[in-house]
Protein backbone atom coordinates (compact mmCIF):
# COMPACT_ATOMS: atom_id res chain seq x y z
CA MET A 1 73.46 -263.45 6.93
CA LYS A 2 72.93 -266.93 5.05
CA TYR A 3 75.41 -268.64 2.45
CA ILE A 4 74.50 -271.01 -0.28
CA LEU A 5 77.71 -272.18 -1.73
CA VAL A 6 77.62 -273.61 -5.63
CA THR A 7 80.56 -275.91 -6.64
CA GLY A 8 80.76 -278.27 -9.51
CA GLY A 9 82.12 -281.59 -10.32
CA VAL A 10 83.42 -283.99 -13.38
CA ILE A 11 83.37 -281.35 -16.03
CA SER A 12 83.07 -277.37 -16.39
CA GLY A 13 80.39 -275.74 -17.79
CA ILE A 14 77.55 -278.16 -16.18
CA GLY A 15 75.02 -275.52 -15.52
CA LYS A 16 76.26 -274.14 -12.06
CA GLY A 17 75.38 -270.44 -13.04
CA ILE A 18 71.97 -271.28 -13.97
CA ILE A 19 71.63 -273.56 -10.87
CA ALA A 20 72.77 -270.65 -8.74
CA SER A 21 70.93 -268.06 -10.63
CA SER A 22 67.74 -270.31 -10.09
CA ILE A 23 68.05 -270.94 -6.62
CA GLY A 24 68.08 -267.08 -5.88
CA THR A 25 65.19 -266.57 -7.91
CA LEU A 26 63.21 -268.91 -5.85
CA LEU A 27 64.34 -267.54 -2.59
CA LYS A 28 63.61 -264.04 -4.04
CA SER A 29 59.94 -265.37 -4.92
CA TYR A 30 59.28 -266.16 -1.17
CA GLY A 31 59.95 -262.55 -0.21
CA LEU A 32 64.22 -262.96 0.57
CA ARG A 33 66.66 -260.46 -0.40
CA VAL A 34 69.25 -262.03 -2.24
CA THR A 35 72.76 -260.86 -3.57
CA ALA A 36 75.24 -263.18 -5.79
CA ILE A 37 78.90 -263.94 -5.51
CA LYS A 38 80.94 -265.18 -8.73
CA ILE A 39 84.40 -267.02 -8.21
CA ASP A 40 86.69 -267.55 -11.07
CA PRO A 41 89.98 -269.35 -9.98
CA TYR A 42 91.82 -267.74 -13.10
CA ILE A 43 94.89 -265.11 -12.51
CA ASN A 44 93.37 -262.26 -14.59
CA ILE A 45 92.36 -259.41 -12.51
CA ASP A 46 88.87 -259.26 -14.48
CA ALA A 47 87.54 -260.38 -17.96
CA GLY A 48 88.13 -257.35 -19.54
CA THR A 49 90.89 -258.50 -21.71
CA PHE A 50 89.49 -262.17 -22.82
CA SER A 51 88.98 -263.07 -26.14
CA PRO A 52 85.46 -264.01 -26.30
CA TYR A 53 86.21 -267.41 -27.67
CA GLU A 54 88.04 -267.95 -23.79
CA HIS A 55 85.13 -267.77 -21.43
CA GLY A 56 82.43 -266.25 -23.41
CA GLU A 57 81.00 -262.60 -23.71
CA VAL A 58 82.58 -260.04 -21.09
CA PHE A 59 79.20 -258.82 -19.28
CA VAL A 60 79.52 -255.21 -18.08
CA LEU A 61 77.89 -254.17 -14.83
CA ASN A 62 76.47 -250.53 -13.78
CA ASP A 63 79.66 -249.64 -11.93
CA GLY A 64 81.73 -250.60 -14.88
CA GLY A 65 83.10 -253.77 -13.94
CA GLU A 66 83.96 -255.93 -16.82
CA VAL A 67 83.03 -259.50 -15.70
CA ASP A 68 82.24 -263.41 -16.20
CA LEU A 69 78.89 -263.77 -18.05
CA GLU A 70 77.37 -265.74 -15.19
CA LEU A 71 76.64 -262.09 -13.64
CA GLY A 72 74.60 -261.58 -16.24
CA ASN A 73 72.62 -264.43 -15.47
CA TYR A 74 72.37 -263.56 -11.96
CA GLU A 75 71.25 -260.36 -12.88
CA ARG A 76 68.68 -261.37 -15.44
CA PHE A 77 67.38 -264.14 -13.28
CA LEU A 78 67.00 -262.30 -9.93
CA ASP A 79 66.36 -258.67 -11.78
CA ILE A 80 68.85 -257.32 -9.43
CA ASN A 81 72.28 -254.65 -10.40
CA LEU A 82 75.44 -256.05 -8.88
CA TYR A 83 78.75 -254.35 -8.45
CA LYS A 84 82.51 -255.53 -9.74
CA ASP A 85 83.52 -256.68 -6.31
CA ASN A 86 80.42 -259.56 -6.86
CA SER A 87 83.17 -260.89 -9.08
CA ILE A 88 86.20 -262.27 -7.31
CA THR A 89 89.20 -263.81 -9.33
CA THR A 90 92.52 -265.13 -7.94
CA GLY A 91 93.87 -262.16 -9.63
CA LYS A 92 91.87 -259.58 -7.46
CA ILE A 93 92.71 -261.72 -4.16
CA TYR A 94 96.51 -262.04 -4.76
CA GLN A 95 96.50 -258.47 -5.80
CA HIS A 96 94.56 -257.07 -2.72
CA VAL A 97 96.79 -259.35 -0.42
CA ILE A 98 100.24 -258.39 -1.86
CA ASN A 99 98.99 -254.47 -1.90
CA LYS A 100 98.57 -255.03 2.05
CA GLU A 101 101.96 -256.70 2.16
CA ARG A 102 103.92 -253.81 0.54
CA ARG A 103 101.91 -251.33 3.15
CA GLY A 104 103.14 -253.53 5.79
CA ASP A 105 99.71 -254.33 7.16
CA TYR A 106 101.45 -258.21 7.81
CA LEU A 107 103.83 -256.56 10.32
CA GLY A 108 106.99 -258.49 8.76
CA LYS A 109 105.30 -262.07 8.86
CA THR A 110 105.82 -264.38 5.96
CA VAL A 111 102.57 -264.22 3.34
CA GLN A 112 101.13 -267.21 2.74
CA VAL A 113 98.04 -269.02 0.97
CA VAL A 114 97.01 -270.09 4.23
CA PRO A 115 96.07 -268.19 6.34
CA HIS A 116 96.68 -265.04 4.15
CA ILE A 117 95.01 -265.86 1.06
CA THR A 118 92.46 -267.84 2.34
CA ASP A 119 91.32 -265.14 5.12
CA ALA A 120 91.30 -262.52 1.91
CA VAL A 121 88.99 -264.55 0.27
CA GLN A 122 86.45 -265.28 3.40
CA GLU A 123 86.37 -261.56 4.39
CA TRP A 124 85.98 -260.33 0.73
CA VAL A 125 82.93 -262.84 0.72
CA MET A 126 81.74 -261.31 3.78
CA ASN A 127 81.93 -257.89 3.05
CA GLN A 128 80.46 -258.23 -0.32
CA ALA A 129 77.53 -260.31 0.81
CA THR A 130 76.05 -257.35 3.36
CA VAL A 131 76.19 -254.71 0.33
CA PRO A 132 72.45 -253.45 -0.24
CA LEU A 133 71.75 -253.76 -4.13
CA ASP A 134 69.52 -251.31 -6.15
CA GLY A 135 69.13 -248.36 -3.80
CA HIS A 136 67.69 -250.63 -0.74
CA LYS A 137 68.62 -249.66 2.49
CA GLU A 138 68.50 -253.41 3.84
CA GLU A 139 71.55 -255.98 3.91
CA PRO A 140 70.69 -259.02 1.69
CA GLN A 141 69.20 -261.75 3.59
CA ILE A 142 71.12 -264.70 1.36
CA CYS A 143 74.33 -264.81 -0.59
CA VAL A 144 74.21 -267.38 -3.32
CA ILE A 145 78.12 -268.08 -4.09
CA GLU A 146 79.43 -269.91 -7.21
CA LEU A 147 82.73 -271.68 -7.46
CA GLY A 148 84.19 -271.77 -11.01
CA GLY A 149 85.76 -274.71 -12.30
CA THR A 150 85.55 -278.08 -10.80
CA ILE A 151 86.38 -279.70 -7.47
CA GLY A 152 90.00 -280.80 -7.97
CA ASP A 153 91.56 -278.33 -10.13
CA ILE A 154 94.51 -276.83 -8.55
CA GLU A 155 93.97 -273.24 -9.37
CA GLY A 156 90.39 -273.45 -7.00
CA MET A 157 91.91 -275.27 -4.08
CA PRO A 158 92.69 -272.21 -1.87
CA PHE A 159 89.03 -271.09 -2.62
CA VAL A 160 88.13 -274.58 -1.57
CA GLU A 161 90.33 -274.30 1.29
CA ALA A 162 88.59 -271.15 2.21
CA PHE A 163 85.42 -272.20 2.26
CA ARG A 164 86.43 -275.23 4.25
CA GLN A 165 87.38 -272.82 7.06
CA PHE A 166 84.31 -270.36 6.09
CA GLN A 167 81.32 -273.44 7.20
CA PHE A 168 82.64 -273.18 10.72
CA LYS A 169 82.93 -269.45 11.04
CA ALA A 170 79.57 -268.89 9.55
CA LYS A 171 78.04 -271.68 11.48
CA LYS A 172 76.19 -274.65 10.34
CA GLU A 173 72.92 -273.07 10.18
CA ASN A 174 74.19 -270.24 7.91
CA PHE A 175 76.30 -271.86 5.34
CA CYS A 176 74.77 -274.67 2.88
CA ASN A 177 77.22 -276.78 0.10
CA ILE A 178 75.18 -277.36 -3.26
CA HIS A 179 77.32 -279.83 -5.32
CA VAL A 180 75.81 -279.93 -9.15
CA SER A 181 77.45 -283.18 -10.97
CA LEU A 182 76.90 -284.58 -14.18
CA VAL A 183 75.19 -288.16 -14.47
CA PRO A 184 76.41 -289.36 -17.92
CA GLN A 185 74.42 -291.70 -20.11
CA PRO A 186 76.45 -293.57 -22.86
CA SER A 187 74.37 -294.03 -25.85
CA ALA A 188 75.88 -297.67 -26.35
CA THR A 189 73.91 -298.82 -23.27
CA ALA A 190 71.50 -295.82 -22.44
CA GLU A 191 72.28 -296.26 -18.70
CA GLN A 192 72.88 -293.35 -16.37
CA LYS A 193 76.05 -293.70 -14.67
CA THR A 194 76.51 -292.57 -11.17
CA LYS A 195 80.35 -293.37 -10.69
CA PRO A 196 81.35 -289.59 -11.92
CA THR A 197 79.40 -288.28 -9.12
CA GLN A 198 80.42 -290.50 -6.37
CA ASN A 199 84.09 -289.80 -7.23
CA SER A 200 83.55 -285.92 -7.11
CA VAL A 201 81.79 -286.13 -3.83
CA ARG A 202 84.16 -288.38 -2.43
CA SER A 203 87.02 -286.24 -3.80
CA MET A 204 85.12 -282.77 -2.25
CA ARG A 205 84.48 -284.64 1.07
CA GLY A 206 88.36 -285.32 1.21
CA PHE A 207 88.89 -281.45 0.79
CA GLY A 208 86.49 -281.07 3.99
CA LEU A 209 83.52 -279.73 2.36
CA SER A 210 80.43 -282.37 2.46
CA PRO A 211 77.57 -281.25 -0.04
CA ASP A 212 74.34 -280.98 1.81
CA LEU A 213 72.29 -281.03 -1.58
CA ILE A 214 73.39 -282.59 -5.08
CA VAL A 215 72.09 -281.52 -8.26
CA CYS A 216 72.49 -284.19 -10.66
CA ARG A 217 72.42 -282.77 -14.32
CA SER A 218 71.62 -285.37 -16.72
CA LEU A 219 70.28 -285.72 -20.74
CA THR A 220 67.06 -287.41 -19.63
CA PRO A 221 65.01 -287.27 -16.06
CA ILE A 222 66.89 -289.74 -13.57
CA LYS A 223 65.43 -292.52 -12.61
CA MET A 224 64.59 -293.43 -8.82
CA ALA A 225 66.79 -296.32 -8.69
CA VAL A 226 69.64 -294.03 -9.86
CA LYS A 227 68.70 -291.10 -7.26
CA GLU A 228 68.86 -293.54 -4.49
CA LYS A 229 72.14 -295.12 -5.27
CA ILE A 230 73.68 -291.97 -5.42
CA SER A 231 71.88 -291.17 -2.18
CA MET A 232 73.51 -294.28 -0.48
CA PHE A 233 77.23 -293.44 -2.02
CA CYS A 234 77.48 -289.87 -1.47
CA HIS A 235 75.99 -290.01 2.27
CA VAL A 236 72.89 -287.87 1.90
CA ASN A 237 69.14 -288.63 2.09
CA PRO A 238 67.17 -289.06 -1.14
CA GLU A 239 65.26 -285.86 -0.95
CA GLN A 240 68.67 -284.22 -1.04
CA VAL A 241 69.44 -285.31 -4.60
CA ILE A 242 67.91 -283.01 -7.02
CA CYS A 243 67.64 -284.20 -10.70
CA ILE A 244 67.90 -281.55 -13.59
CA HIS A 245 67.91 -283.09 -16.89
CA ASP A 246 68.27 -281.12 -20.16
CA VAL A 247 65.05 -278.89 -21.00
CA CYS A 248 64.35 -276.85 -23.79
CA SER A 249 64.24 -273.67 -21.88
CA THR A 250 66.87 -272.17 -18.81
CA TYR A 251 63.55 -270.65 -17.60
CA ARG A 252 62.25 -274.20 -16.78
CA VAL A 253 65.00 -274.90 -14.36
CA PRO A 254 63.74 -272.80 -11.16
CA VAL A 255 60.41 -274.07 -11.69
CA LEU A 256 62.19 -278.27 -11.52
CA LEU A 257 64.13 -277.11 -8.61
CA GLU A 258 60.72 -276.16 -6.70
CA GLU A 259 58.93 -278.94 -7.48
CA GLN A 260 61.76 -281.20 -5.76
CA GLY A 261 60.96 -279.37 -2.83
CA ILE A 262 64.44 -277.59 -2.80
CA VAL A 263 62.63 -274.26 -0.80
CA GLU A 264 61.46 -276.16 2.04
CA TYR A 265 64.43 -277.82 2.21
CA PHE A 266 66.37 -274.58 2.47
CA LYS A 267 63.69 -273.28 4.55
CA GLU A 268 64.38 -276.08 7.17
CA ARG A 269 68.08 -276.17 6.61
CA LEU A 270 68.83 -272.64 6.94
CA ASP A 271 65.90 -271.52 9.24
CA LEU A 272 64.39 -269.18 6.64
CA PRO A 273 61.45 -266.75 7.31
CA ILE A 274 59.33 -267.35 4.86
CA SER A 275 55.78 -268.31 3.87
CA ASP A 276 54.67 -271.41 2.61
CA SER A 277 53.87 -269.91 -0.80
CA ALA A 278 55.74 -267.67 -3.37
CA ASN A 279 54.47 -264.25 -4.47
CA ASN A 280 53.29 -262.97 -7.81
CA PHE A 281 56.94 -263.10 -9.34
CA LEU A 282 57.05 -266.88 -9.34
CA TYR A 283 53.73 -267.23 -10.68
CA LYS A 284 54.40 -264.92 -13.94
CA TRP A 285 57.71 -266.95 -14.33
CA ARG A 286 56.28 -270.16 -14.10
CA ASN A 287 53.31 -268.81 -17.01
CA MET A 288 56.30 -267.65 -19.13
CA ALA A 289 58.15 -271.01 -18.96
CA ASP A 290 54.80 -272.51 -20.06
CA ARG A 291 54.57 -269.90 -23.09
CA TYR A 292 57.78 -270.31 -24.29
CA GLU A 293 57.52 -274.26 -24.81
CA THR A 294 53.93 -273.74 -26.77
CA LEU A 295 55.26 -270.68 -28.81
CA GLN A 296 54.15 -271.45 -32.50
CA SER A 297 55.39 -268.52 -34.87
CA THR A 298 58.69 -267.95 -35.49
CA CYS A 299 60.92 -264.95 -36.15
CA SER A 300 64.22 -265.03 -37.55
CA ILE A 301 67.04 -262.66 -36.76
CA ALA A 302 70.42 -263.05 -38.58
CA LEU A 303 73.32 -261.90 -36.23
CA VAL A 304 76.52 -260.72 -38.68
CA GLY A 305 79.64 -260.84 -36.16
CA LYS A 306 83.25 -262.02 -35.49
CA TYR A 307 82.98 -264.57 -32.82
CA THR A 308 80.25 -266.58 -34.25
CA LYS A 309 81.75 -270.36 -33.38
CA LEU A 310 80.52 -270.03 -29.59
CA ARG A 311 77.05 -269.17 -28.66
CA ASP A 312 78.27 -267.83 -25.59
CA CYS A 313 80.26 -264.89 -27.12
CA TYR A 314 77.17 -263.26 -27.59
CA ALA A 315 75.00 -264.56 -24.85
CA SER A 316 73.67 -261.19 -23.38
CA VAL A 317 72.44 -260.33 -27.43
CA PHE A 318 70.61 -263.76 -27.29
CA LYS A 319 68.99 -263.61 -24.22
CA ALA A 320 67.87 -259.78 -25.20
CA LEU A 321 66.43 -260.86 -28.32
CA GLU A 322 64.74 -264.13 -26.64
CA HIS A 323 63.20 -261.63 -23.95
CA SER A 324 61.65 -259.76 -26.93
CA ALA A 325 60.65 -262.41 -28.91
CA LEU A 326 58.83 -263.88 -25.65
CA ALA A 327 57.13 -260.84 -24.84
CA ILE A 328 55.44 -260.46 -28.18
CA ASN A 329 54.91 -264.65 -28.26
CA TYR A 330 57.11 -265.38 -30.82
CA LYS A 331 59.95 -268.18 -31.29
CA LEU A 332 63.43 -266.89 -31.76
CA ASN A 333 65.15 -268.28 -34.57
CA LEU A 334 68.79 -266.40 -34.39
CA LEU A 335 70.88 -267.07 -37.25
CA TYR A 336 74.84 -266.88 -36.61
CA ILE A 337 76.57 -265.67 -39.85
CA ASP A 338 80.16 -264.86 -39.64
CA ALA A 339 81.11 -261.49 -41.12
CA ILE A 340 84.06 -262.83 -43.40
CA ASP A 341 81.72 -265.09 -44.99
CA LEU A 342 80.14 -262.03 -46.61
CA GLU A 343 83.01 -261.03 -48.15
CA HIS A 344 84.28 -261.10 -51.74
CA THR A 345 87.70 -262.80 -50.45
CA THR A 346 85.41 -265.70 -49.08
CA GLU A 347 83.31 -265.99 -52.59
CA ALA A 348 86.66 -266.26 -54.32
CA GLU A 349 87.89 -268.85 -51.97
CA ASP A 350 85.19 -270.69 -50.69
CA PRO A 351 81.78 -269.90 -52.99
CA VAL A 352 79.78 -272.42 -51.10
CA LYS A 353 80.20 -270.71 -48.35
CA PHE A 354 79.81 -267.51 -49.12
CA HIS A 355 76.27 -268.35 -51.07
CA GLU A 356 75.18 -270.17 -47.92
CA ALA A 357 76.17 -267.13 -45.81
CA TRP A 358 74.29 -264.67 -48.22
CA GLN A 359 71.10 -267.24 -48.53
CA LYS A 360 70.91 -267.29 -44.83
CA LEU A 361 70.86 -263.49 -44.42
CA CYS A 362 68.37 -262.92 -47.27
CA LYS A 363 65.87 -265.10 -45.33
CA ALA A 364 66.22 -263.19 -41.92
CA ASP A 365 63.40 -261.39 -40.95
CA GLY A 366 65.93 -258.42 -39.29
CA LEU A 367 69.47 -257.92 -39.03
CA LEU A 368 71.43 -257.30 -35.69
CA VAL A 369 75.30 -256.18 -35.88
CA PRO A 370 76.65 -256.48 -32.34
CA GLY A 371 79.41 -254.97 -30.41
CA GLY A 372 83.38 -256.36 -31.40
CA PHE A 373 87.00 -255.26 -31.78
CA GLY A 374 89.15 -255.10 -34.67
CA ILE A 375 89.12 -254.50 -38.83
CA SER A 376 88.69 -258.64 -38.98
CA GLY A 377 84.75 -259.13 -40.80
CA THR A 378 84.12 -255.40 -41.09
CA LEU A 379 83.90 -255.65 -44.69
CA GLY A 380 81.14 -258.28 -44.28
CA LYS A 381 79.24 -256.18 -41.84
CA LEU A 382 79.01 -253.32 -44.03
CA HIS A 383 77.73 -255.26 -46.90
CA ALA A 384 74.68 -256.62 -44.63
CA ILE A 385 74.16 -253.19 -43.25
CA THR A 386 73.90 -252.07 -46.68
CA TRP A 387 71.60 -255.06 -47.74
CA ALA A 388 69.24 -253.87 -44.68
CA ARG A 389 69.35 -250.34 -45.57
CA THR A 390 68.24 -250.66 -49.27
CA LYS A 391 65.88 -253.66 -48.70
CA LYS A 392 64.20 -252.04 -46.06
CA ILE A 393 65.07 -254.76 -43.73
CA PRO A 394 65.04 -253.85 -39.86
CA PHE A 395 68.06 -253.57 -38.41
CA LEU A 396 69.77 -252.96 -35.23
CA GLY A 397 73.42 -251.71 -34.69
CA VAL A 398 75.11 -251.92 -31.26
CA CYS A 399 78.12 -250.36 -30.38
CA LEU A 400 80.66 -251.29 -33.22
CA GLY A 401 77.65 -251.99 -35.30
CA MET A 402 76.41 -248.53 -34.93
CA GLN A 403 79.71 -246.84 -35.67
CA LEU A 404 79.65 -249.34 -39.02
CA ALA A 405 75.96 -248.28 -39.72
CA VAL A 406 77.53 -244.16 -39.88
CA ILE A 407 80.81 -245.50 -41.68
CA GLU A 408 78.14 -247.35 -44.78
CA PHE A 409 75.71 -244.58 -44.79
CA ALA A 410 79.02 -241.98 -45.32
CA LYS A 411 79.91 -244.29 -48.10
CA ASN A 412 77.12 -245.07 -49.91
CA CYS A 413 75.00 -242.18 -49.14
CA LEU A 414 77.11 -239.37 -48.63
CA ASN A 415 79.35 -240.53 -51.67
CA LEU A 416 82.46 -240.27 -48.90
CA LYS A 417 84.21 -243.25 -50.25
CA ASP A 418 87.20 -242.88 -48.02
CA ALA A 419 84.81 -242.67 -44.89
CA ASP A 420 86.40 -245.24 -42.09
CA SER A 421 87.07 -245.49 -38.34
CA THR A 422 90.81 -244.67 -36.73
CA GLU A 423 90.22 -248.42 -34.99
CA PHE A 424 90.88 -249.77 -38.77
CA ASP A 425 92.87 -246.93 -39.96
CA PRO A 426 94.84 -244.49 -37.78
CA ASN A 427 95.53 -242.31 -40.90
CA ALA A 428 92.01 -242.60 -42.33
CA ARG A 429 91.53 -239.62 -44.67
CA ILE A 430 87.67 -238.95 -43.55
CA PRO A 431 87.65 -240.13 -39.86
CA VAL A 432 83.92 -240.85 -39.37
CA VAL A 433 84.83 -242.96 -36.19
CA ILE A 434 87.38 -241.48 -34.10
CA HIS A 435 89.35 -242.43 -30.45
CA MET A 436 87.84 -240.90 -27.27
CA PRO A 437 89.89 -237.75 -26.22
CA GLU A 438 90.08 -239.20 -23.03
CA HIS A 439 91.33 -242.56 -23.94
CA GLN A 440 95.32 -243.03 -23.82
CA PRO A 441 96.46 -245.93 -25.74
CA GLY A 442 98.68 -248.19 -23.52
CA ASN A 443 97.02 -251.08 -21.09
CA LEU A 444 94.08 -252.42 -22.28
CA GLY A 445 92.32 -253.09 -18.83
CA GLY A 446 90.02 -251.20 -17.52
CA THR A 447 90.59 -248.46 -20.02
CA MET A 448 87.46 -248.26 -22.09
CA ARG A 449 84.38 -245.87 -21.36
CA LEU A 450 82.55 -248.10 -19.03
CA GLY A 451 79.52 -248.73 -17.61
CA ILE A 452 76.19 -246.68 -17.09
CA ARG A 453 76.01 -243.44 -18.53
CA ARG A 454 72.95 -241.01 -19.33
CA THR A 455 71.59 -240.58 -22.88
CA VAL A 456 69.58 -237.43 -23.65
CA PHE A 457 67.15 -237.80 -26.43
CA LYS A 458 67.27 -234.59 -28.61
CA THR A 459 64.09 -235.04 -30.34
CA GLU A 460 60.04 -236.18 -29.69
CA ASN A 461 60.10 -237.74 -33.04
CA SER A 462 62.05 -240.84 -32.26
CA ILE A 463 61.08 -244.61 -32.09
CA LEU A 464 63.46 -245.31 -29.61
CA LYS A 465 62.21 -242.58 -27.31
CA LYS A 466 58.67 -243.90 -27.87
CA LEU A 467 59.96 -247.46 -27.10
CA TYR A 468 61.66 -246.49 -23.89
CA GLY A 469 58.20 -244.82 -22.76
CA ASP A 470 58.69 -241.51 -23.87
CA VAL A 471 61.32 -240.50 -21.34
CA PRO A 472 63.48 -237.43 -21.75
CA PHE A 473 66.64 -239.38 -21.10
CA ILE A 474 67.99 -243.09 -20.57
CA GLU A 475 70.81 -244.65 -18.78
CA GLU A 476 72.42 -247.89 -20.15
CA ARG A 477 75.61 -249.57 -19.79
CA HIS A 478 78.56 -248.76 -22.29
CA ARG A 479 81.82 -250.47 -23.33
CA HIS A 480 83.90 -248.63 -25.95
CA ARG A 481 87.04 -247.03 -26.91
CA TYR A 482 85.65 -245.35 -30.33
CA GLU A 483 83.02 -242.60 -31.06
CA VAL A 484 81.32 -240.98 -33.92
CA ASN A 485 83.10 -237.89 -35.08
CA PRO A 486 80.84 -235.18 -33.75
CA SER A 487 82.38 -232.61 -36.57
CA LEU A 488 80.18 -234.25 -39.16
CA ILE A 489 77.09 -234.94 -37.78
CA LYS A 490 75.49 -231.87 -39.88
CA GLN A 491 76.27 -233.60 -43.15
CA PHE A 492 74.58 -236.83 -42.11
CA GLU A 493 71.18 -235.40 -40.68
CA GLN A 494 70.82 -233.10 -43.69
CA SER A 495 70.74 -236.42 -45.38
CA ASP A 496 68.09 -238.35 -43.04
CA LEU A 497 70.35 -240.21 -40.51
CA ASN A 498 69.32 -238.38 -37.31
CA PHE A 499 71.16 -238.62 -33.98
CA VAL A 500 68.06 -238.60 -31.72
CA GLY A 501 70.48 -239.39 -28.31
CA GLN A 502 73.58 -237.76 -27.39
CA ASP A 503 75.16 -237.75 -23.93
CA VAL A 504 74.36 -234.98 -21.57
CA ASP A 505 77.34 -232.80 -22.97
CA GLY A 506 75.81 -233.02 -26.32
CA LYS A 507 79.28 -234.15 -27.67
CA ARG A 508 78.68 -237.98 -28.20
CA MET A 509 76.56 -239.45 -30.35
CA GLU A 510 74.55 -242.16 -28.75
CA ILE A 511 71.49 -243.15 -30.88
CA ILE A 512 70.90 -242.98 -34.96
CA GLU A 513 67.64 -243.31 -36.59
CA LEU A 514 67.09 -243.49 -40.41
CA THR A 515 64.03 -241.71 -41.78
CA ASN A 516 61.73 -243.53 -43.86
CA HIS A 517 63.14 -246.89 -43.06
CA PRO A 518 60.69 -249.57 -41.00
CA TYR A 519 63.31 -250.04 -38.13
CA PHE A 520 67.16 -248.61 -38.84
CA VAL A 521 68.71 -248.04 -35.38
CA GLY A 522 71.98 -247.81 -33.97
CA VAL A 523 72.98 -247.46 -30.44
CA GLN A 524 76.78 -246.58 -28.96
CA PHE A 525 75.55 -248.70 -25.53
CA HIS A 526 74.79 -252.25 -24.83
CA PRO A 527 71.16 -252.47 -24.02
CA GLU A 528 71.33 -256.07 -24.08
CA PHE A 529 73.25 -255.79 -20.59
CA SER A 530 70.08 -254.39 -18.92
CA SER A 531 67.30 -256.83 -20.35
CA ARG A 532 65.69 -258.87 -18.32
CA PRO A 533 63.33 -261.83 -18.93
CA LEU A 534 60.08 -259.99 -17.89
CA LYS A 535 61.36 -256.76 -18.98
CA PRO A 536 62.67 -256.63 -22.00
CA SER A 537 65.05 -254.10 -23.69
CA PRO A 538 63.69 -251.32 -25.73
CA PRO A 539 66.09 -251.40 -28.70
CA TYR A 540 65.70 -255.38 -29.14
CA LEU A 541 61.95 -255.25 -28.52
CA GLY A 542 61.54 -252.49 -31.46
CA LEU A 543 63.70 -254.85 -33.63
CA LEU A 544 61.46 -257.99 -33.04
CA LEU A 545 58.37 -256.00 -33.26
CA ALA A 546 59.68 -254.44 -36.79
CA ALA A 547 60.72 -258.14 -37.81
CA THR A 548 57.36 -259.45 -37.25
CA GLY A 549 55.26 -256.49 -38.51
CA ASN A 550 53.94 -255.33 -35.57
CA LEU A 551 56.04 -252.05 -35.03
CA ASN A 552 53.57 -249.30 -35.82
CA ALA A 553 50.67 -251.05 -33.95
CA PHE A 554 52.65 -251.29 -31.15
CA LEU A 555 53.59 -247.62 -31.04
CA GLN A 556 49.84 -246.65 -31.97
CA HIS A 557 48.66 -248.35 -28.95
CA GLY A 558 51.28 -246.55 -26.12
CA CYS A 559 53.99 -249.05 -26.35
CA GLN A 560 52.77 -251.44 -24.03
CA LEU A 561 52.11 -254.69 -23.58
CA SER A 562 49.23 -255.15 -21.15
CA HIS A 563 47.24 -257.94 -19.55
CA GLY A 564 44.63 -257.26 -22.05
CA ASP A 565 46.49 -257.01 -25.18
CA ARG A 566 48.99 -258.67 -27.17
CA TYR A 567 49.86 -258.96 -30.85
CA SER A 568 48.67 -262.19 -32.66
CA ASP A 569 51.32 -264.18 -34.02
CA THR A 570 50.07 -263.53 -37.51
CA SER A 571 48.87 -260.09 -37.10
CA SER A 572 50.43 -257.26 -39.32
CA ASP A 573 51.01 -253.18 -38.96
CA ASP A 574 47.14 -252.63 -39.46
CA SER A 575 45.82 -255.72 -37.17
CA PHE A 576 45.99 -255.62 -33.21
CA SER A 577 44.67 -258.75 -31.74
CA ASN A 578 43.51 -259.44 -28.06
CA SER A 579 43.28 -263.25 -28.83
CA ARG A 580 45.89 -264.12 -25.99
CA MET A 581 47.46 -262.31 -23.20
CA ALA A 582 51.13 -260.74 -22.58
CA GLU A 583 52.38 -261.22 -18.77
CA TRP A 584 53.62 -258.28 -18.20
CA GLU A 585 54.05 -254.21 -18.99
CA ILE A 586 57.24 -253.01 -20.81
CA SER A 587 58.74 -250.33 -18.30
């Protein structure tokens, strides 16, 4: 087993996750089996109880693990499915050690950070690194480990010490450290400054870890003189200084790394059994990055949500939309709209903000209402859903978005004015959305319906069934406590709101579709978590196709984007163009 540790310096949020994902992508493209581990030094057991404004969205894995959004990057870049134990937190490690102490596993010894906590970290990494992924019987060959935070953070020190020890346990030929640092460029002088990187590396070496590669993040490409200066003062050769400047797309990062010889370095440094050329995967990836940067036509999607002030709150939603837009050769213009700004209370308090929000919504080609929790902003979301339904604007509701679509339909089409969710009003007169019977109020962490679940299609006449390839069932990831009340289903279906997908027992409503509408779809699951750059999520792809006027043509041509077919940037439902090629098939 080979281990690649990715650490960060100077500031957090510097791009360690994208660097780690890109390295894994490159190594996989050369035929190696790659896994990934993310270490977060916070004391929380997992990310499940975080507000999205703390660390961005909570990403959900197949096994129900609620983890940091970086594991989403690993899965998307590497096209793998990870496990909850691929996420390590201080809370998990301490809980593990304390449980052992309570059982008497330490034979009465004093339990300390060193050696017990540091040993637990090393054992966890070694055990999880060998777990096969996606049904493969063979163990991974390389484990990419990202240590969250920055070198010098007090909460991260036990992990730094653990890897100081681990480098000797694993042996030099099996362990490589990459340090990601910032090279700032003050606007006053426009000069690239190396001192922060020098100090960060010096601090790291003081803790007993010496970087094998230094990845320098910068606003513009780093000059050779700056690169040589970092090499001289950080005790590495110039070719061990990798420069990644800001680019318009993260898909370009693996290409930049490969161009600077990082694969050749790993091949020699870790004695990797790889050939001199990558497989077809990297060719497709490079082609995708090139196409992303040359897209001309734009599709605007309005995202009406609760956490719109930080883009990372909807990271997977944005990526799923981007994957779908790229698949049909459109540039995504995602319009973030705070749901509260669409409400009449905002109109009274701040008319300018209210009208700007509605103006933004009315300019959109499609509407997305994502998942969320709580009553805040629900009125604004309901107004937006009404607009999409009545104006025949393509709409996708995810999780809470689907539940609100059902409530909106009940209020305005079934004349059930008191329709509501028991999440918002426990004593709702007409509980259209109810809490799941097995959910017991109390602890919030890990108590939802989590992870991958099967959804069975109940009809052949379903847009989403066709988009998924006419399969009898699908499996997608869930994260919710509430569900549509099954006792009211007949009333909805008699008025053209059809529940086309249900769970295996036929009791949980999973997919809704509205008849006589270009695309009005709601899903209880979170399809964005399984979207990949080269395999877009079908519900999101359907939204983009409908928003660009290409859905009917796509369905008529068998729901495939093949090497010989694609939809032109200006085509309508009646026109199908072969002028340019998409690079993959939807599967």
